[in-house]
Amino acid sequence: MVSRSEVLSLCRALLRAGRQFPHYNLREYTKRRTLDGFRMNKNLTDQSKVNEAYAEAKAQLVVVERTVKLYSLYPPKTKNIMEVKLQ
């Protein structure tokens, strides 16, 4: 049985992990997918479906954390347009 506080904690963890991406597009994509996924499942009442959605989100957190580590090992050589300061 998954509590509301555990679900909110997982959502925050996914958002926090997504903020660590060095690329703007990946940060925004992770944020959008996380919020959309949790909004889509906010009205689930069947406990088995809640547990299934929670397990899927936990698996996605592992993927995001692993991908963040990979991207930090190989930083981009050039900045994208959103990260370039106007001079």
C-alpha atoms as a PDB file:
ATOM      1  CA  MET A   1       0.000   0.000   0.000  1.00  0.00           C
ATOM      2  CA  VAL A   2       1.498   3.276  -1.159  1.00  0.00           C
ATOM      3  CA  SER A   3       0.767   6.414   0.824  1.00  0.00           C
ATOM      4  CA  ARG A   4       0.193   9.885  -0.576  1.00  0.00           C
ATOM      5  CA  SER A   5       3.401  11.161   0.990  1.00  0.00           C
ATOM      6  CA  GLU A   6       5.417   8.413  -0.729  1.00  0.00           C
ATOM      7  CA  VAL A   7       3.914   9.348  -4.089  1.00  0.00           C
ATOM      8  CA  LEU A   8       4.666  13.042  -3.575  1.00  0.00           C
ATOM      9  CA  SER A   9       8.184  12.207  -2.453  1.00  0.00           C
ATOM     10  CA  LEU A  10       8.736  10.154  -5.603  1.00  0.00           C
ATOM     11  CA  CYS A  11       7.410  12.992  -7.773  1.00  0.00           C
ATOM     12  CA  ARG A  12       9.796  15.448  -6.099  1.00  0.00           C
ATOM     13  CA  ALA A  13      12.697  13.016  -6.514  1.00  0.00           C
ATOM     14  CA  LEU A  14      11.982  12.700 -10.241  1.00  0.00           C
ATOM     15  CA  LEU A  15      11.799  16.478 -10.649  1.00  0.00           C
ATOM     16  CA  ARG A  16      15.037  16.921  -8.674  1.00  0.00           C
ATOM     17  CA  ALA A  17      16.837  14.298 -10.721  1.00  0.00           C
ATOM     18  CA  GLY A  18      15.646  15.882 -13.958  1.00  0.00           C
ATOM     19  CA  ARG A  19      17.023  19.277 -12.932  1.00  0.00           C
ATOM     20  CA  GLN A  20      20.530  17.832 -12.950  1.00  0.00           C
ATOM     21  CA  PHE A  21      20.618  17.298 -16.729  1.00  0.00           C
ATOM     22  CA  PRO A  22      23.176  19.572 -18.405  1.00  0.00           C
ATOM     23  CA  HIS A  23      20.919  20.025 -21.472  1.00  0.00           C
ATOM     24  CA  TYR A  24      17.964  22.402 -21.321  1.00  0.00           C
ATOM     25  CA  ASN A  25      15.811  20.207 -23.577  1.00  0.00           C
ATOM     26  CA  LEU A  26      16.319  17.119 -21.420  1.00  0.00           C
ATOM     27  CA  ARG A  27      15.567  19.067 -18.235  1.00  0.00           C
ATOM     28  CA  GLU A  28      12.305  20.386 -19.645  1.00  0.00           C
ATOM     29  CA  TYR A  29      11.325  17.041 -21.181  1.00  0.00           C
ATOM     30  CA  THR A  30      11.852  15.228 -17.880  1.00  0.00           C
ATOM     31  CA  LYS A  31       9.875  17.861 -16.006  1.00  0.00           C
ATOM     32  CA  ARG A  32       6.988  17.738 -18.491  1.00  0.00           C
ATOM     33  CA  ARG A  33       6.842  13.919 -18.595  1.00  0.00           C
ATOM     34  CA  THR A  34       6.967  13.677 -14.797  1.00  0.00           C
ATOM     35  CA  LEU A  35       4.179  16.159 -14.209  1.00  0.00           C
ATOM     36  CA  ASP A  36       2.032  14.724 -17.006  1.00  0.00           C
ATOM     37  CA  GLY A  37       2.456  11.185 -15.702  1.00  0.00           C
ATOM     38  CA  PHE A  38       1.513  12.065 -12.150  1.00  0.00           C
ATOM     39  CA  ARG A  39      -1.450  14.182 -13.274  1.00  0.00           C
ATOM     40  CA  MET A  40      -2.673  11.345 -15.482  1.00  0.00           C
ATOM     41  CA  ASN A  41      -2.646   8.903 -12.555  1.00  0.00           C
ATOM     42  CA  LYS A  42      -3.892  11.212  -9.806  1.00  0.00           C
ATOM     43  CA  ASN A  43      -7.440   9.806  -9.912  1.00  0.00           C
ATOM     44  CA  LEU A  44      -6.478   6.139  -9.589  1.00  0.00           C
ATOM     45  CA  THR A  45      -8.425   4.434  -6.822  1.00  0.00           C
ATOM     46  CA  ASP A  46      -7.708   0.751  -7.379  1.00  0.00           C
ATOM     47  CA  GLN A  47      -4.811  -0.088  -5.056  1.00  0.00           C
ATOM     48  CA  SER A  48      -3.233  -2.574  -7.473  1.00  0.00           C
ATOM     49  CA  LYS A  49      -3.141   0.060 -10.226  1.00  0.00           C
ATOM     50  CA  VAL A  50      -1.711   2.616  -7.795  1.00  0.00           C
ATOM     51  CA  ASN A  51       1.036   0.176  -6.821  1.00  0.00           C
ATOM     52  CA  GLU A  52       1.724  -0.583 -10.486  1.00  0.00           C
ATOM     53  CA  ALA A  53       1.988   3.118 -11.380  1.00  0.00           C
ATOM     54  CA  TYR A  54       4.228   3.715  -8.359  1.00  0.00           C
ATOM     55  CA  ALA A  55       6.543   0.855  -9.365  1.00  0.00           C
ATOM     56  CA  GLU A  56       6.744   2.206 -12.910  1.00  0.00           C
ATOM     57  CA  ALA A  57       7.630   5.681 -11.615  1.00  0.00           C
ATOM     58  CA  LYS A  58      10.341   4.184  -9.367  1.00  0.00           C
ATOM     59  CA  ALA A  59      11.799   2.420 -12.396  1.00  0.00           C
ATOM     60  CA  GLN A  60      11.746   5.697 -14.324  1.00  0.00           C
ATOM     61  CA  LEU A  61      13.597   7.401 -11.466  1.00  0.00           C
ATOM     62  CA  VAL A  62      16.376   4.824 -11.764  1.00  0.00           C
ATOM     63  CA  VAL A  63      16.555   5.444 -15.521  1.00  0.00           C
ATOM     64  CA  VAL A  64      16.695   9.219 -15.078  1.00  0.00           C
ATOM     65  CA  GLU A  65      19.414   8.999 -12.414  1.00  0.00           C
ATOM     66  CA  ARG A  66      21.475   6.647 -14.600  1.00  0.00           C
ATOM     67  CA  THR A  67      21.056   8.918 -17.628  1.00  0.00           C
ATOM     68  CA  VAL A  68      22.066  12.002 -15.633  1.00  0.00           C
ATOM     69  CA  LYS A  69      25.282  10.239 -14.606  1.00  0.00           C
ATOM     70  CA  LEU A  70      25.973   9.260 -18.202  1.00  0.00           C
ATOM     71  CA  TYR A  71      25.411  12.805 -19.483  1.00  0.00           C
ATOM     72  CA  SER A  72      27.657  14.234 -16.773  1.00  0.00           C
ATOM     73  CA  LEU A  73      30.503  11.993 -17.940  1.00  0.00           C
ATOM     74  CA  TYR A  74      30.241  13.292 -21.506  1.00  0.00           C
ATOM     75  CA  PRO A  75      29.386  16.999 -21.367  1.00  0.00           C
ATOM     76  CA  PRO A  76      28.449  18.754 -24.612  1.00  0.00           C
ATOM     77  CA  LYS A  77      31.225  20.557 -26.480  1.00  0.00           C
ATOM     78  CA  THR A  78      28.953  23.445 -27.431  1.00  0.00           C
ATOM     79  CA  LYS A  79      26.138  25.142 -25.590  1.00  0.00           C
ATOM     80  CA  ASN A  80      22.645  25.264 -26.999  1.00  0.00           C
ATOM     81  CA  ILE A  81      20.896  28.536 -27.737  1.00  0.00           C
ATOM     82  CA  MET A  82      19.090  28.558 -24.362  1.00  0.00           C
ATOM     83  CA  GLU A  83      22.392  28.488 -22.455  1.00  0.00           C
ATOM     84  CA  VAL A  84      24.364  31.062 -24.449  1.00  0.00           C
ATOM     85  CA  LYS A  85      24.515  34.482 -22.824  1.00  0.00           C
ATOM     86  CA  LEU A  86      24.009  37.477 -25.030  1.00  0.00           C
ATOM     87  CA  GLN A  87      27.073  39.670 -25.150  1.00  0.00           C
END
